[in-house]
Amino acid sequence: MRKNISVMRLINIIAAMFIISSCASTRVYTYSIDGKETICNKDSIKLGSIVVLPEAAWRKNQKEPEKREVMALNEIKKAFKGISCGNVSLPNGIKTFKNWSGVSENNILSQFSAEGFDTIIIIRIEELTPKLNITFSIPFLWSGSNEADFRVKVISVKTGKVLNDMRIKRETGGLFNIRPAEWSKDELYYALHNIVK
């Protein structure tokens, strides 16, 4: 009996050490129509006065969409504060969540031209969530991650030309990770920060 307890303790200690030592890694995938992976880069033209239009395309079974939109809006404001190729004046430069893609392009261009903006950036959030994958086999394994998956479209107000159109997916996690939903905001912030710096 005593031997079984010692073996179980040893297994528990090894499992605890393995869990503690497991590392999280970050993966970023960027898909762009013109190969550019940033909005701001050496070759980019100055975008002038920018208005950011956030929208969401959640799954039907998305948990707490309103909470996620509040979280996303805060991270968008933080990320665009330091944009290097234009300026976003707060609070007017970042609008609230709305179905901006459902508004005709002419109406959007007219509206924001009248408000004095040079560039429109539509950010469409599709995922902002933790994920947990479990393997029901021997050995029993799980991996957890946080994910931000979104699209960015940059449009010139004056010409209506699409200056950039990309999809970014950033996830951090790994084997034996369990990550709270709140950590997903970091994935969105760092992904946005990297394309506007």
C-alpha atoms as a PDB file:
ATOM      1  CA  MET A   1       0.000   0.000   0.000  1.00  0.00           C
ATOM      2  CA  ARG A   2       2.791   2.366   1.018  1.00  0.00           C
ATOM      3  CA  LYS A   3       4.648   1.564  -2.231  1.00  0.00           C
ATOM      4  CA  ASN A   4       1.551   2.467  -4.297  1.00  0.00           C
ATOM      5  CA  ILE A   5       1.263   5.830  -2.506  1.00  0.00           C
ATOM      6  CA  SER A   6       4.953   6.573  -3.208  1.00  0.00           C
ATOM      7  CA  VAL A   7       4.540   5.677  -6.879  1.00  0.00           C
ATOM      8  CA  MET A   8       1.446   7.891  -7.144  1.00  0.00           C
ATOM      9  CA  ARG A   9       3.303  10.781  -5.491  1.00  0.00           C
ATOM     10  CA  LEU A  10       6.192  10.362  -7.894  1.00  0.00           C
ATOM     11  CA  ILE A  11       3.812  10.338 -10.883  1.00  0.00           C
ATOM     12  CA  ASN A  12       2.068  13.450  -9.551  1.00  0.00           C
ATOM     13  CA  ILE A  13       5.381  15.267  -9.012  1.00  0.00           C
ATOM     14  CA  ILE A  14       6.572  14.395 -12.542  1.00  0.00           C
ATOM     15  CA  ALA A  15       3.234  15.476 -14.013  1.00  0.00           C
ATOM     16  CA  ALA A  16       3.333  18.763 -12.042  1.00  0.00           C
ATOM     17  CA  MET A  17       6.912  19.456 -13.180  1.00  0.00           C
ATOM     18  CA  PHE A  18       5.931  18.716 -16.776  1.00  0.00           C
ATOM     19  CA  ILE A  19       2.938  21.060 -16.604  1.00  0.00           C
ATOM     20  CA  ILE A  20       4.950  23.823 -14.950  1.00  0.00           C
ATOM     21  CA  SER A  21       7.791  23.475 -17.451  1.00  0.00           C
ATOM     22  CA  SER A  22       5.535  23.403 -20.505  1.00  0.00           C
ATOM     23  CA  CYS A  23       5.970  26.543 -22.564  1.00  0.00           C
ATOM     24  CA  ALA A  24       3.600  28.627 -24.590  1.00  0.00           C
ATOM     25  CA  SER A  25       4.553  29.645 -28.100  1.00  0.00           C
ATOM     26  CA  THR A  26       3.090  32.332 -30.355  1.00  0.00           C
ATOM     27  CA  ARG A  27       2.171  31.834 -33.988  1.00  0.00           C
ATOM     28  CA  VAL A  28       1.108  34.616 -36.344  1.00  0.00           C
ATOM     29  CA  TYR A  29      -0.416  34.030 -39.780  1.00  0.00           C
ATOM     30  CA  THR A  30      -0.929  36.966 -42.128  1.00  0.00           C
ATOM     31  CA  TYR A  31      -2.729  36.756 -45.462  1.00  0.00           C
ATOM     32  CA  SER A  32      -2.525  39.872 -47.623  1.00  0.00           C
ATOM     33  CA  ILE A  33      -3.705  40.669 -51.147  1.00  0.00           C
ATOM     34  CA  ASP A  34      -0.508  42.559 -51.983  1.00  0.00           C
ATOM     35  CA  GLY A  35       2.012  40.657 -49.854  1.00  0.00           C
ATOM     36  CA  LYS A  36       2.401  43.505 -47.329  1.00  0.00           C
ATOM     37  CA  GLU A  37       2.059  42.323 -43.759  1.00  0.00           C
ATOM     38  CA  THR A  38       1.728  45.771 -42.197  1.00  0.00           C
ATOM     39  CA  ILE A  39      -0.322  48.904 -42.706  1.00  0.00           C
ATOM     40  CA  CYS A  40       2.663  51.100 -41.904  1.00  0.00           C
ATOM     41  CA  ASN A  41       5.979  50.299 -43.558  1.00  0.00           C
ATOM     42  CA  LYS A  42       8.888  52.108 -45.217  1.00  0.00           C
ATOM     43  CA  ASP A  43       7.168  52.215 -48.599  1.00  0.00           C
ATOM     44  CA  SER A  44       3.697  53.182 -47.352  1.00  0.00           C
ATOM     45  CA  ILE A  45       2.233  56.555 -48.121  1.00  0.00           C
ATOM     46  CA  LYS A  46       1.099  58.715 -45.224  1.00  0.00           C
ATOM     47  CA  LEU A  47      -2.479  57.877 -44.328  1.00  0.00           C
ATOM     48  CA  GLY A  48      -3.269  61.290 -42.811  1.00  0.00           C
ATOM     49  CA  SER A  49      -6.302  61.479 -40.531  1.00  0.00           C
ATOM     50  CA  ILE A  50      -7.605  57.947 -39.892  1.00  0.00           C
ATOM     51  CA  VAL A  51     -10.990  56.676 -38.774  1.00  0.00           C
ATOM     52  CA  VAL A  52     -11.145  53.100 -37.445  1.00  0.00           C
ATOM     53  CA  LEU A  53     -14.417  51.193 -37.889  1.00  0.00           C
ATOM     54  CA  PRO A  54     -14.647  48.005 -35.790  1.00  0.00           C
ATOM     55  CA  GLU A  55     -17.176  45.298 -36.592  1.00  0.00           C
ATOM     56  CA  ALA A  56     -17.688  41.699 -35.524  1.00  0.00           C
ATOM     57  CA  ALA A  57     -18.606  38.520 -37.372  1.00  0.00           C
ATOM     58  CA  TRP A  58     -19.155  36.159 -34.460  1.00  0.00           C
ATOM     59  CA  ARG A  59     -20.175  32.519 -34.638  1.00  0.00           C
ATOM     60  CA  LYS A  60     -23.850  31.881 -33.798  1.00  0.00           C
ATOM     61  CA  ASN A  61     -22.827  30.170 -30.559  1.00  0.00           C
ATOM     62  CA  GLN A  62     -20.282  32.857 -29.566  1.00  0.00           C
ATOM     63  CA  LYS A  63     -20.209  33.323 -25.787  1.00  0.00           C
ATOM     64  CA  GLU A  64     -20.452  36.860 -24.395  1.00  0.00           C
ATOM     65  CA  PRO A  65     -20.160  38.797 -27.668  1.00  0.00           C
ATOM     66  CA  GLU A  66     -20.811  42.182 -25.998  1.00  0.00           C
ATOM     67  CA  LYS A  67     -18.040  41.573 -23.458  1.00  0.00           C
ATOM     68  CA  ARG A  68     -15.653  40.647 -26.263  1.00  0.00           C
ATOM     69  CA  GLU A  69     -16.544  43.801 -28.208  1.00  0.00           C
ATOM     70  CA  VAL A  70     -15.803  46.016 -25.188  1.00  0.00           C
ATOM     71  CA  MET A  71     -12.497  44.196 -24.698  1.00  0.00           C
ATOM     72  CA  ALA A  72     -11.628  44.494 -28.404  1.00  0.00           C
ATOM     73  CA  LEU A  73     -12.479  48.206 -28.545  1.00  0.00           C
ATOM     74  CA  ASN A  74     -10.109  48.920 -25.641  1.00  0.00           C
ATOM     75  CA  GLU A  75      -7.275  47.024 -27.352  1.00  0.00           C
ATOM     76  CA  ILE A  76      -7.921  48.753 -30.701  1.00  0.00           C
ATOM     77  CA  LYS A  77      -7.688  52.162 -28.986  1.00  0.00           C
ATOM     78  CA  LYS A  78      -4.416  51.189 -27.297  1.00  0.00           C
ATOM     79  CA  ALA A  79      -2.867  49.796 -30.496  1.00  0.00           C
ATOM     80  CA  PHE A  80      -3.781  52.746 -32.724  1.00  0.00           C
ATOM     81  CA  LYS A  81      -2.551  55.361 -30.244  1.00  0.00           C
ATOM     82  CA  GLY A  82       0.963  54.996 -31.637  1.00  0.00           C
ATOM     83  CA  ILE A  83       0.304  54.493 -35.362  1.00  0.00           C
ATOM     84  CA  SER A  84       3.384  55.661 -37.268  1.00  0.00           C
ATOM     85  CA  CYS A  85       1.932  56.446 -40.718  1.00  0.00           C
ATOM     86  CA  GLY A  86      -1.028  58.634 -39.807  1.00  0.00           C
ATOM     87  CA  ASN A  87      -3.028  59.875 -36.854  1.00  0.00           C
ATOM     88  CA  VAL A  88      -6.101  58.671 -35.037  1.00  0.00           C
ATOM     89  CA  SER A  89      -7.591  61.385 -32.850  1.00  0.00           C
ATOM     90  CA  LEU A  90      -9.414  59.883 -29.892  1.00  0.00           C
ATOM     91  CA  PRO A  91     -12.263  59.443 -29.181  1.00  0.00           C
ATOM     92  CA  ASN A  92     -13.696  60.517 -32.544  1.00  0.00           C
ATOM     93  CA  GLY A  93     -11.225  58.530 -34.654  1.00  0.00           C
ATOM     94  CA  ILE A  94     -12.329  55.113 -33.363  1.00  0.00           C
ATOM     95  CA  LYS A  95     -16.020  54.389 -33.749  1.00  0.00           C
ATOM     96  CA  THR A  96     -18.119  51.837 -31.869  1.00  0.00           C
ATOM     97  CA  PHE A  97     -18.877  48.330 -33.127  1.00  0.00           C
ATOM     98  CA  LYS A  98     -21.394  48.337 -35.961  1.00  0.00           C
ATOM     99  CA  ASN A  99     -22.023  46.403 -39.193  1.00  0.00           C
ATOM    100  CA  TRP A 100     -19.913  48.792 -41.282  1.00  0.00           C
ATOM    101  CA  SER A 101     -19.674  46.317 -44.178  1.00  0.00           C
ATOM    102  CA  GLY A 102     -23.464  46.496 -44.463  1.00  0.00           C
ATOM    103  CA  VAL A 103     -23.295  50.222 -45.290  1.00  0.00           C
ATOM    104  CA  SER A 104     -22.705  51.085 -48.951  1.00  0.00           C
ATOM    105  CA  GLU A 105     -19.158  52.134 -49.734  1.00  0.00           C
ATOM    106  CA  ASN A 106     -20.327  55.441 -51.270  1.00  0.00           C
ATOM    107  CA  ASN A 107     -22.174  56.348 -48.069  1.00  0.00           C
ATOM    108  CA  ILE A 108     -19.173  55.513 -45.911  1.00  0.00           C
ATOM    109  CA  LEU A 109     -16.819  57.513 -48.141  1.00  0.00           C
ATOM    110  CA  SER A 110     -19.195  60.509 -48.174  1.00  0.00           C
ATOM    111  CA  GLN A 111     -19.753  60.424 -44.434  1.00  0.00           C
ATOM    112  CA  PHE A 112     -16.092  60.301 -43.488  1.00  0.00           C
ATOM    113  CA  SER A 113     -15.020  62.721 -46.198  1.00  0.00           C
ATOM    114  CA  ALA A 114     -17.475  65.248 -44.691  1.00  0.00           C
ATOM    115  CA  GLU A 115     -15.946  64.575 -41.261  1.00  0.00           C
ATOM    116  CA  GLY A 116     -12.473  65.366 -42.628  1.00  0.00           C
ATOM    117  CA  PHE A 117     -10.888  61.913 -42.599  1.00  0.00           C
ATOM    118  CA  ASP A 118      -8.323  60.785 -45.215  1.00  0.00           C
ATOM    119  CA  THR A 119      -8.323  57.038 -44.563  1.00  0.00           C
ATOM    120  CA  ILE A 120     -10.810  54.434 -43.343  1.00  0.00           C
ATOM    121  CA  ILE A 121      -9.619  51.273 -41.590  1.00  0.00           C
ATOM    122  CA  ILE A 122     -12.274  48.585 -41.116  1.00  0.00           C
ATOM    123  CA  ILE A 123     -11.352  45.949 -38.516  1.00  0.00           C
ATOM    124  CA  ARG A 124     -13.588  42.888 -38.626  1.00  0.00           C
ATOM    125  CA  ILE A 125     -13.125  40.611 -35.606  1.00  0.00           C
ATOM    126  CA  GLU A 126     -14.022  36.969 -36.236  1.00  0.00           C
ATOM    127  CA  GLU A 127     -12.483  35.217 -33.223  1.00  0.00           C
ATOM    128  CA  LEU A 128     -11.312  36.542 -29.872  1.00  0.00           C
ATOM    129  CA  THR A 129     -11.361  33.502 -27.678  1.00  0.00           C
ATOM    130  CA  PRO A 130      -9.525  30.835 -25.719  1.00  0.00           C
ATOM    131  CA  LYS A 131      -9.365  27.324 -27.156  1.00  0.00           C
ATOM    132  CA  LEU A 132      -8.847  23.971 -25.499  1.00  0.00           C
ATOM    133  CA  ASN A 133      -8.065  20.773 -27.416  1.00  0.00           C
ATOM    134  CA  ILE A 134      -8.182  17.449 -25.588  1.00  0.00           C
ATOM    135  CA  THR A 135      -6.871  14.086 -26.765  1.00  0.00           C
ATOM    136  CA  PHE A 136      -8.740  11.234 -25.087  1.00  0.00           C
ATOM    137  CA  SER A 137      -6.045   8.640 -25.509  1.00  0.00           C
ATOM    138  CA  ILE A 138      -3.101   7.255 -23.637  1.00  0.00           C
ATOM    139  CA  PRO A 139      -1.335   9.436 -22.703  1.00  0.00           C
ATOM    140  CA  PHE A 140      -4.108  11.933 -21.935  1.00  0.00           C
ATOM    141  CA  LEU A 141      -3.077  15.271 -23.468  1.00  0.00           C
ATOM    142  CA  TRP A 142      -4.517  18.745 -23.766  1.00  0.00           C
ATOM    143  CA  SER A 143      -3.391  22.018 -25.252  1.00  0.00           C
ATOM    144  CA  GLY A 144      -4.813  25.462 -24.715  1.00  0.00           C
ATOM    145  CA  SER A 145      -4.386  28.733 -26.544  1.00  0.00           C
ATOM    146  CA  ASN A 146      -5.770  32.222 -26.923  1.00  0.00           C
ATOM    147  CA  GLU A 147      -6.618  33.427 -30.400  1.00  0.00           C
ATOM    148  CA  ALA A 148      -7.390  36.650 -32.230  1.00  0.00           C
ATOM    149  CA  ASP A 149      -8.536  36.232 -35.832  1.00  0.00           C
ATOM    150  CA  PHE A 150      -9.495  39.373 -37.726  1.00  0.00           C
ATOM    151  CA  ARG A 151      -9.498  41.181 -41.073  1.00  0.00           C
ATOM    152  CA  VAL A 152      -8.190  44.663 -41.817  1.00  0.00           C
ATOM    153  CA  LYS A 153      -9.208  46.739 -44.823  1.00  0.00           C
ATOM    154  CA  VAL A 154      -7.613  50.141 -45.485  1.00  0.00           C
ATOM    155  CA  ILE A 155      -9.460  52.490 -47.871  1.00  0.00           C
ATOM    156  CA  SER A 156      -8.529  55.940 -49.174  1.00  0.00           C
ATOM    157  CA  VAL A 157     -11.442  58.333 -48.579  1.00  0.00           C
ATOM    158  CA  LYS A 158     -10.497  60.550 -51.525  1.00  0.00           C
ATOM    159  CA  THR A 159     -10.134  57.852 -54.200  1.00  0.00           C
ATOM    160  CA  GLY A 160     -12.035  54.892 -52.735  1.00  0.00           C
ATOM    161  CA  LYS A 161      -8.984  52.739 -53.508  1.00  0.00           C
ATOM    162  CA  VAL A 162      -8.293  49.756 -51.227  1.00  0.00           C
ATOM    163  CA  LEU A 163      -4.759  50.388 -49.934  1.00  0.00           C
ATOM    164  CA  ASN A 164      -4.489  47.137 -48.001  1.00  0.00           C
ATOM    165  CA  ASP A 165      -6.659  44.101 -47.341  1.00  0.00           C
ATOM    166  CA  MET A 166      -5.392  41.424 -44.998  1.00  0.00           C
ATOM    167  CA  ARG A 167      -6.353  38.741 -42.524  1.00  0.00           C
ATOM    168  CA  ILE A 168      -4.338  38.204 -39.366  1.00  0.00           C
ATOM    169  CA  LYS A 169      -4.525  35.254 -37.005  1.00  0.00           C
ATOM    170  CA  ARG A 170      -2.421  35.294 -33.838  1.00  0.00           C
ATOM    171  CA  GLU A 171      -2.462  32.566 -31.220  1.00  0.00           C
ATOM    172  CA  THR A 172      -0.426  31.848 -28.121  1.00  0.00           C
ATOM    173  CA  GLY A 173      -0.489  28.595 -26.197  1.00  0.00           C
ATOM    174  CA  GLY A 174       0.800  25.085 -26.097  1.00  0.00           C
ATOM    175  CA  LEU A 175       0.684  21.651 -24.555  1.00  0.00           C
ATOM    176  CA  PHE A 176      -0.778  21.560 -21.034  1.00  0.00           C
ATOM    177  CA  ASN A 177      -1.724  25.251 -21.134  1.00  0.00           C
ATOM    178  CA  ILE A 178      -5.046  26.418 -19.745  1.00  0.00           C
ATOM    179  CA  ARG A 179      -5.541  30.079 -20.543  1.00  0.00           C
ATOM    180  CA  PRO A 180      -8.315  32.418 -19.368  1.00  0.00           C
ATOM    181  CA  ALA A 181     -10.545  34.216 -21.898  1.00  0.00           C
ATOM    182  CA  GLU A 182      -9.215  37.635 -20.808  1.00  0.00           C
ATOM    183  CA  TRP A 183      -5.778  36.797 -22.205  1.00  0.00           C
ATOM    184  CA  SER A 184      -7.234  36.848 -25.729  1.00  0.00           C
ATOM    185  CA  LYS A 185      -7.129  40.651 -25.626  1.00  0.00           C
ATOM    186  CA  ASP A 186      -3.317  40.498 -25.663  1.00  0.00           C
ATOM    187  CA  GLU A 187      -3.412  38.515 -28.899  1.00  0.00           C
ATOM    188  CA  LEU A 188      -5.493  41.257 -30.541  1.00  0.00           C
ATOM    189  CA  TYR A 189      -3.390  44.091 -29.149  1.00  0.00           C
ATOM    190  CA  TYR A 190      -0.013  42.657 -30.201  1.00  0.00           C
ATOM    191  CA  ALA A 191      -1.287  41.625 -33.634  1.00  0.00           C
ATOM    192  CA  LEU A 192      -2.625  45.155 -34.252  1.00  0.00           C
ATOM    193  CA  HIS A 193       0.436  46.817 -32.735  1.00  0.00           C
ATOM    194  CA  ASN A 194       2.709  44.905 -35.119  1.00  0.00           C
ATOM    195  CA  ILE A 195       0.848  46.092 -38.222  1.00  0.00           C
ATOM    196  CA  VAL A 196       0.649  49.800 -37.243  1.00  0.00           C
ATOM    197  CA  LYS A 197       4.071  50.434 -35.669  1.00  0.00           C
END
